[in-house]
Amino acid sequence: MIFLMYNNSYPSGGRMVNLSSSIRNDHQLLSAIDPRPTLITAASHFYQLGWMVGTAGNLSAKQPDGSFWITASGCHKGQLGSKDFIRIATDGRVLEKPLPESRPSAETSIHQSIYSLFPDAKACYHIHSIEANLVSGFTKDD
């Protein structure tokens, strides 16, 4: 499940879900020089809801220059810090990574494509809720 952030609303399965009461009610933070504190708050909230269990899922926020910060691979979403994000250029190059051993999320190219297809998107949250994972395990017998 992927949420795109346009101001304070998140599309979810064809309906708009407003999370602004539980996540910082200031979308301008995502346009700030460093959106990582806002992403950390969102990840903590999603973790508490069971939507980002352990290291599952990833978050990103676009910068004014088109680059974006994305969670590094393998980071526990309930315990994120600013060092757990990597800054990616519009062409996919790594611009900044606070920890030398960090790797960008395996889904970095998905976030890159979303920002390209939806230029007004400010952030992208890719969650792996337990419910979604369970449902995805059901298959139709052929």
N, C-alpha and C. Protein backbone atom coordinates (compact mmCIF):
# COMPACT_ATOMS: atom_id res chain seq x y z
N MET A 1 0.86 -1.17 0.00
CA MET A 1 0.00 0.00 0.00
C MET A 1 0.90 1.23 0.00
N ILE A 2 0.60 2.17 -0.85
CA ILE A 2 1.40 3.39 -0.95
C ILE A 2 0.50 4.59 -0.71
N PHE A 3 0.95 5.50 0.12
CA PHE A 3 0.25 6.75 0.37
C PHE A 3 1.07 7.87 -0.25
N LEU A 4 0.44 8.74 -0.99
CA LEU A 4 1.11 9.94 -1.48
C LEU A 4 0.62 11.10 -0.65
N MET A 5 1.49 12.01 -0.31
CA MET A 5 1.06 13.15 0.48
C MET A 5 0.88 14.37 -0.40
N TYR A 6 -0.33 14.86 -0.46
CA TYR A 6 -0.66 16.14 -1.07
C TYR A 6 -1.20 16.97 0.07
N ASN A 7 -0.45 17.93 0.54
CA ASN A 7 -0.82 18.71 1.72
C ASN A 7 -0.97 17.76 2.90
N ASN A 8 -2.15 17.65 3.54
CA ASN A 8 -2.30 16.80 4.71
C ASN A 8 -3.17 15.58 4.47
N SER A 9 -3.47 15.23 3.24
CA SER A 9 -4.35 14.10 2.97
C SER A 9 -3.59 12.98 2.28
N TYR A 10 -3.98 11.77 2.56
CA TYR A 10 -3.33 10.59 2.02
C TYR A 10 -4.36 9.74 1.30
N PRO A 11 -4.19 9.49 -0.01
CA PRO A 11 -5.13 8.60 -0.69
C PRO A 11 -4.95 7.17 -0.17
N SER A 12 -6.02 6.48 0.06
CA SER A 12 -5.96 5.11 0.56
C SER A 12 -7.09 4.32 -0.04
N GLY A 13 -6.78 3.46 -0.98
CA GLY A 13 -7.79 2.60 -1.57
C GLY A 13 -8.97 3.36 -2.15
N GLY A 14 -8.72 4.47 -2.80
CA GLY A 14 -9.79 5.23 -3.44
C GLY A 14 -10.51 6.20 -2.54
N ARG A 15 -10.14 6.29 -1.28
CA ARG A 15 -10.77 7.25 -0.40
C ARG A 15 -9.68 8.08 0.28
N MET A 16 -10.01 9.28 0.65
CA MET A 16 -9.04 10.15 1.29
C MET A 16 -9.07 9.93 2.80
N VAL A 17 -7.92 9.75 3.38
CA VAL A 17 -7.80 9.58 4.82
C VAL A 17 -6.98 10.74 5.34
N ASN A 18 -7.53 11.53 6.24
CA ASN A 18 -6.81 12.67 6.79
C ASN A 18 -6.13 12.24 8.08
N LEU A 19 -4.81 12.22 8.06
CA LEU A 19 -4.05 11.81 9.23
C LEU A 19 -3.43 13.00 9.95
N SER A 20 -3.85 14.21 9.59
CA SER A 20 -3.19 15.40 10.12
C SER A 20 -3.36 15.55 11.62
N SER A 21 -4.39 14.94 12.22
CA SER A 21 -4.55 15.07 13.67
C SER A 21 -3.54 14.22 14.43
N SER A 22 -3.04 13.16 13.79
CA SER A 22 -2.12 12.30 14.50
C SER A 22 -0.68 12.42 14.00
N ILE A 23 -0.51 12.98 12.83
CA ILE A 23 0.82 13.29 12.32
C ILE A 23 0.90 14.80 12.27
N ARG A 24 2.06 15.35 12.43
CA ARG A 24 2.21 16.81 12.49
C ARG A 24 1.32 17.51 11.47
N ASN A 25 0.56 18.47 11.96
CA ASN A 25 -0.40 19.17 11.12
C ASN A 25 0.25 20.37 10.44
N ASP A 26 1.37 20.13 9.78
CA ASP A 26 2.06 21.21 9.09
C ASP A 26 2.81 20.64 7.89
N HIS A 27 2.14 20.57 6.75
CA HIS A 27 2.77 20.00 5.57
C HIS A 27 3.95 20.83 5.09
N GLN A 28 4.07 22.06 5.56
CA GLN A 28 5.20 22.89 5.16
C GLN A 28 6.51 22.29 5.65
N LEU A 29 6.46 21.47 6.71
CA LEU A 29 7.68 20.84 7.19
C LEU A 29 8.33 19.99 6.12
N LEU A 30 7.52 19.40 5.22
CA LEU A 30 8.07 18.56 4.18
C LEU A 30 8.78 19.37 3.11
N SER A 31 8.54 20.66 3.06
CA SER A 31 9.23 21.53 2.11
C SER A 31 10.46 22.16 2.74
N ALA A 32 10.63 21.92 4.01
CA ALA A 32 11.74 22.52 4.74
C ALA A 32 13.06 21.92 4.29
N ILE A 33 14.14 22.50 4.75
CA ILE A 33 15.47 22.02 4.42
C ILE A 33 15.63 20.56 4.80
N ASP A 34 15.13 20.16 5.95
CA ASP A 34 15.29 18.78 6.41
C ASP A 34 13.95 18.20 6.84
N PRO A 35 13.31 17.39 5.99
CA PRO A 35 12.01 16.81 6.33
C PRO A 35 12.10 15.54 7.18
N ARG A 36 13.32 15.11 7.52
CA ARG A 36 13.47 13.84 8.23
C ARG A 36 12.74 13.79 9.57
N PRO A 37 12.71 14.85 10.37
CA PRO A 37 11.93 14.76 11.62
C PRO A 37 10.45 14.46 11.38
N THR A 38 9.88 15.02 10.32
CA THR A 38 8.48 14.74 10.00
C THR A 38 8.31 13.29 9.57
N LEU A 39 9.24 12.78 8.78
CA LEU A 39 9.18 11.38 8.36
C LEU A 39 9.32 10.44 9.55
N ILE A 40 10.18 10.79 10.49
CA ILE A 40 10.36 9.98 11.70
C ILE A 40 9.06 9.93 12.49
N THR A 41 8.38 11.07 12.62
CA THR A 41 7.10 11.12 13.32
C THR A 41 6.06 10.25 12.62
N ALA A 42 6.00 10.35 11.29
CA ALA A 42 5.04 9.54 10.52
C ALA A 42 5.35 8.05 10.68
N ALA A 43 6.62 7.67 10.58
CA ALA A 43 7.00 6.27 10.71
C ALA A 43 6.63 5.73 12.09
N SER A 44 6.87 6.52 13.12
CA SER A 44 6.51 6.11 14.47
C SER A 44 5.01 5.88 14.60
N HIS A 45 4.24 6.79 14.01
CA HIS A 45 2.78 6.65 14.04
C HIS A 45 2.34 5.39 13.29
N PHE A 46 2.87 5.18 12.09
CA PHE A 46 2.52 3.99 11.31
C PHE A 46 2.95 2.72 12.03
N TYR A 47 4.10 2.76 12.68
CA TYR A 47 4.58 1.61 13.45
C TYR A 47 3.59 1.28 14.58
N GLN A 48 3.15 2.31 15.30
CA GLN A 48 2.20 2.11 16.40
C GLN A 48 0.87 1.55 15.90
N LEU A 49 0.48 1.89 14.68
CA LEU A 49 -0.76 1.36 14.10
C LEU A 49 -0.59 -0.06 13.56
N GLY A 50 0.65 -0.54 13.50
CA GLY A 50 0.92 -1.85 12.93
C GLY A 50 1.03 -1.83 11.41
N TRP A 51 1.20 -0.65 10.84
CA TRP A 51 1.28 -0.52 9.39
C TRP A 51 2.71 -0.62 8.88
N MET A 52 3.68 -0.46 9.77
CA MET A 52 5.09 -0.59 9.41
C MET A 52 5.75 -1.42 10.52
N VAL A 53 5.69 -2.71 10.37
CA VAL A 53 6.20 -3.61 11.40
C VAL A 53 7.69 -3.83 11.17
N GLY A 54 8.49 -3.62 12.21
CA GLY A 54 9.93 -3.84 12.10
C GLY A 54 10.56 -3.00 11.01
N THR A 55 11.20 -3.68 10.06
CA THR A 55 11.90 -2.97 8.99
C THR A 55 11.07 -2.87 7.71
N ALA A 56 9.83 -3.32 7.73
CA ALA A 56 8.98 -3.32 6.53
C ALA A 56 8.58 -1.91 6.14
N GLY A 57 8.47 -1.67 4.85
CA GLY A 57 8.00 -0.39 4.33
C GLY A 57 9.13 0.63 4.22
N ASN A 58 8.77 1.78 3.67
CA ASN A 58 9.74 2.86 3.53
C ASN A 58 9.01 4.18 3.35
N LEU A 59 9.70 5.26 3.65
CA LEU A 59 9.13 6.60 3.55
C LEU A 59 10.11 7.50 2.82
N SER A 60 9.55 8.48 2.13
CA SER A 60 10.42 9.47 1.49
C SER A 60 9.72 10.82 1.47
N ALA A 61 10.51 11.87 1.32
CA ALA A 61 9.97 13.23 1.19
C ALA A 61 10.83 13.97 0.18
N LYS A 62 10.15 14.66 -0.71
CA LYS A 62 10.82 15.37 -1.80
C LYS A 62 11.30 16.74 -1.32
N GLN A 63 12.47 17.10 -1.78
CA GLN A 63 13.08 18.41 -1.51
C GLN A 63 12.70 19.38 -2.63
N PRO A 64 12.83 20.68 -2.39
CA PRO A 64 12.52 21.67 -3.43
C PRO A 64 13.31 21.48 -4.73
N ASP A 65 14.52 20.92 -4.65
CA ASP A 65 15.33 20.71 -5.86
C ASP A 65 14.98 19.43 -6.60
N GLY A 66 13.98 18.67 -6.11
CA GLY A 66 13.56 17.43 -6.75
C GLY A 66 14.20 16.19 -6.15
N SER A 67 15.29 16.36 -5.41
CA SER A 67 15.88 15.20 -4.73
C SER A 67 14.92 14.78 -3.61
N PHE A 68 15.18 13.61 -3.02
CA PHE A 68 14.32 13.18 -1.92
C PHE A 68 15.10 12.36 -0.91
N TRP A 69 14.64 12.45 0.34
CA TRP A 69 15.17 11.64 1.43
C TRP A 69 14.33 10.38 1.50
N ILE A 70 14.97 9.22 1.63
CA ILE A 70 14.26 7.94 1.75
C ILE A 70 14.90 7.12 2.86
N THR A 71 14.09 6.30 3.51
CA THR A 71 14.63 5.46 4.57
C THR A 71 15.66 4.49 3.98
N ALA A 72 16.71 4.27 4.74
CA ALA A 72 17.72 3.30 4.35
C ALA A 72 17.16 1.89 4.52
N SER A 73 17.70 0.97 3.78
CA SER A 73 17.27 -0.42 3.85
C SER A 73 17.57 -1.02 5.23
N GLY A 74 16.62 -1.80 5.74
CA GLY A 74 16.84 -2.54 6.98
C GLY A 74 16.66 -1.76 8.26
N CYS A 75 16.11 -0.56 8.21
CA CYS A 75 15.93 0.25 9.42
C CYS A 75 14.58 -0.03 10.07
N HIS A 76 14.59 -0.20 11.37
CA HIS A 76 13.37 -0.43 12.15
C HIS A 76 12.56 0.86 12.17
N LYS A 77 11.32 0.79 11.68
CA LYS A 77 10.51 2.01 11.52
C LYS A 77 10.02 2.60 12.84
N GLY A 78 10.06 1.85 13.91
CA GLY A 78 9.68 2.39 15.21
C GLY A 78 10.84 3.04 15.94
N GLN A 79 12.04 2.98 15.35
CA GLN A 79 13.24 3.50 16.02
C GLN A 79 14.11 4.34 15.09
N LEU A 80 13.48 5.02 14.14
CA LEU A 80 14.25 5.80 13.16
C LEU A 80 14.89 7.04 13.77
N GLY A 81 16.04 7.40 13.24
CA GLY A 81 16.70 8.66 13.54
C GLY A 81 17.11 9.31 12.22
N SER A 82 17.57 10.53 12.26
CA SER A 82 17.95 11.24 11.04
C SER A 82 19.02 10.51 10.24
N LYS A 83 19.87 9.76 10.91
CA LYS A 83 20.95 9.03 10.24
C LYS A 83 20.43 7.85 9.41
N ASP A 84 19.15 7.51 9.55
CA ASP A 84 18.57 6.36 8.86
C ASP A 84 17.94 6.72 7.51
N PHE A 85 18.29 7.88 6.97
CA PHE A 85 17.75 8.33 5.69
C PHE A 85 18.89 8.64 4.73
N ILE A 86 18.62 8.41 3.46
CA ILE A 86 19.59 8.66 2.39
C ILE A 86 18.96 9.63 1.41
N ARG A 87 19.74 10.62 0.96
CA ARG A 87 19.21 11.59 0.00
C ARG A 87 19.57 11.15 -1.41
N ILE A 88 18.53 11.10 -2.26
CA ILE A 88 18.66 10.60 -3.63
C ILE A 88 18.38 11.72 -4.63
N ALA A 89 19.20 11.81 -5.68
CA ALA A 89 19.00 12.79 -6.75
C ALA A 89 17.88 12.32 -7.68
N THR A 90 17.38 13.23 -8.50
CA THR A 90 16.31 12.88 -9.43
C THR A 90 16.72 11.78 -10.40
N ASP A 91 18.02 11.65 -10.67
CA ASP A 91 18.50 10.60 -11.57
C ASP A 91 18.87 9.31 -10.84
N GLY A 92 18.61 9.25 -9.53
CA GLY A 92 18.86 8.03 -8.76
C GLY A 92 20.19 7.95 -8.05
N ARG A 93 21.06 8.93 -8.27
CA ARG A 93 22.36 8.93 -7.58
C ARG A 93 22.18 9.22 -6.09
N VAL A 94 23.03 8.63 -5.26
CA VAL A 94 23.04 8.93 -3.83
C VAL A 94 23.77 10.25 -3.64
N LEU A 95 23.09 11.22 -3.02
CA LEU A 95 23.70 12.53 -2.75
C LEU A 95 24.27 12.61 -1.35
N GLU A 96 23.56 12.04 -0.39
CA GLU A 96 24.00 12.06 1.01
C GLU A 96 23.59 10.77 1.69
N LYS A 97 24.50 10.23 2.50
CA LYS A 97 24.14 9.12 3.37
C LYS A 97 24.96 9.25 4.65
N PRO A 98 24.27 9.54 5.76
CA PRO A 98 24.96 9.79 7.02
C PRO A 98 25.81 8.62 7.51
N LEU A 99 25.40 7.40 7.21
CA LEU A 99 26.18 6.23 7.62
C LEU A 99 26.77 5.57 6.38
N PRO A 100 28.10 5.39 6.33
CA PRO A 100 28.74 4.84 5.13
C PRO A 100 28.19 3.48 4.71
N GLU A 101 27.76 2.67 5.68
CA GLU A 101 27.28 1.32 5.36
C GLU A 101 25.81 1.29 4.91
N SER A 102 25.13 2.42 4.97
CA SER A 102 23.71 2.48 4.59
C SER A 102 23.51 2.22 3.11
N ARG A 103 22.38 1.56 2.81
CA ARG A 103 21.98 1.34 1.43
C ARG A 103 20.58 1.91 1.26
N PRO A 104 20.28 2.49 0.09
CA PRO A 104 18.92 2.99 -0.13
C PRO A 104 17.92 1.83 -0.11
N SER A 105 16.69 2.13 0.22
CA SER A 105 15.62 1.15 0.18
C SER A 105 15.59 0.46 -1.17
N ALA A 106 15.23 -0.82 -1.17
CA ALA A 106 15.11 -1.57 -2.43
C ALA A 106 14.05 -0.95 -3.34
N GLU A 107 13.12 -0.20 -2.77
CA GLU A 107 12.04 0.40 -3.55
C GLU A 107 12.31 1.87 -3.91
N THR A 108 13.55 2.29 -3.86
CA THR A 108 13.90 3.67 -4.19
C THR A 108 13.41 4.06 -5.58
N SER A 109 13.54 3.15 -6.53
CA SER A 109 13.11 3.47 -7.91
C SER A 109 11.60 3.68 -7.99
N ILE A 110 10.83 3.04 -7.12
CA ILE A 110 9.38 3.26 -7.09
C ILE A 110 9.09 4.68 -6.64
N HIS A 111 9.75 5.12 -5.58
CA HIS A 111 9.57 6.49 -5.09
C HIS A 111 9.99 7.49 -6.17
N GLN A 112 11.12 7.21 -6.82
CA GLN A 112 11.61 8.08 -7.89
C GLN A 112 10.57 8.19 -9.00
N SER A 113 9.96 7.08 -9.38
CA SER A 113 8.92 7.09 -10.43
C SER A 113 7.68 7.85 -9.99
N ILE A 114 7.29 7.67 -8.74
CA ILE A 114 6.11 8.37 -8.23
C ILE A 114 6.32 9.87 -8.27
N TYR A 115 7.48 10.34 -7.83
CA TYR A 115 7.74 11.78 -7.87
C TYR A 115 7.78 12.30 -9.30
N SER A 116 8.23 11.48 -10.23
CA SER A 116 8.26 11.88 -11.63
C SER A 116 6.84 11.95 -12.21
N LEU A 117 6.01 10.96 -11.88
CA LEU A 117 4.64 10.90 -12.41
C LEU A 117 3.69 11.87 -11.72
N PHE A 118 3.96 12.17 -10.45
CA PHE A 118 3.10 13.05 -9.66
C PHE A 118 3.95 14.20 -9.11
N PRO A 119 4.26 15.20 -9.92
CA PRO A 119 5.17 16.27 -9.50
C PRO A 119 4.72 17.04 -8.27
N ASP A 120 3.42 17.04 -7.96
CA ASP A 120 2.93 17.76 -6.78
C ASP A 120 3.06 16.95 -5.50
N ALA A 121 3.41 15.68 -5.61
CA ALA A 121 3.56 14.84 -4.41
C ALA A 121 4.71 15.38 -3.56
N LYS A 122 4.49 15.44 -2.27
CA LYS A 122 5.51 15.93 -1.34
C LYS A 122 6.20 14.79 -0.60
N ALA A 123 5.48 13.68 -0.42
CA ALA A 123 6.04 12.54 0.31
C ALA A 123 5.37 11.27 -0.17
N CYS A 124 6.04 10.16 0.05
CA CYS A 124 5.50 8.85 -0.32
C CYS A 124 5.76 7.90 0.84
N TYR A 125 4.70 7.26 1.30
CA TYR A 125 4.80 6.30 2.40
C TYR A 125 4.38 4.93 1.87
N HIS A 126 5.28 4.00 1.86
CA HIS A 126 5.02 2.64 1.39
C HIS A 126 4.95 1.75 2.63
N ILE A 127 3.74 1.32 2.95
CA ILE A 127 3.56 0.56 4.18
C ILE A 127 3.31 -0.91 3.87
N HIS A 128 3.56 -1.75 4.86
CA HIS A 128 3.32 -3.19 4.78
C HIS A 128 2.54 -3.59 6.02
N SER A 129 1.26 -3.29 6.04
CA SER A 129 0.46 -3.66 7.21
C SER A 129 0.32 -5.17 7.28
N ILE A 130 0.12 -5.68 8.47
CA ILE A 130 -0.09 -7.12 8.66
C ILE A 130 -1.29 -7.58 7.84
N GLU A 131 -2.37 -6.79 7.87
CA GLU A 131 -3.58 -7.15 7.14
C GLU A 131 -3.32 -7.25 5.64
N ALA A 132 -2.61 -6.27 5.08
CA ALA A 132 -2.31 -6.30 3.65
C ALA A 132 -1.44 -7.50 3.29
N ASN A 133 -0.48 -7.81 4.15
CA ASN A 133 0.38 -8.96 3.90
C ASN A 133 -0.42 -10.26 3.95
N LEU A 134 -1.35 -10.37 4.90
CA LEU A 134 -2.17 -11.57 4.99
C LEU A 134 -3.04 -11.74 3.75
N VAL A 135 -3.70 -10.67 3.35
CA VAL A 135 -4.57 -10.73 2.17
C VAL A 135 -3.76 -11.07 0.92
N SER A 136 -2.56 -10.52 0.80
CA SER A 136 -1.75 -10.78 -0.39
C SER A 136 -1.31 -12.24 -0.45
N GLY A 137 -1.37 -12.94 0.68
CA GLY A 137 -1.00 -14.35 0.71
C GLY A 137 -2.09 -15.28 0.19
N PHE A 138 -3.30 -14.77 0.10
CA PHE A 138 -4.40 -15.58 -0.44
C PHE A 138 -4.29 -15.63 -1.95
N THR A 139 -4.39 -16.83 -2.50
CA THR A 139 -4.34 -16.96 -3.95
C THR A 139 -5.58 -17.69 -4.44
N LYS A 140 -5.95 -17.37 -5.62
CA LYS A 140 -7.10 -18.02 -6.24
C LYS A 140 -6.61 -19.30 -6.90
N ASP A 141 -7.27 -20.42 -6.59
CA ASP A 141 -6.89 -21.69 -7.21
C ASP A 141 -7.21 -21.64 -8.69
N ASP A 142 -6.26 -22.07 -9.51
CA ASP A 142 -6.48 -22.07 -10.96
C ASP A 142 -7.15 -23.35 -11.39
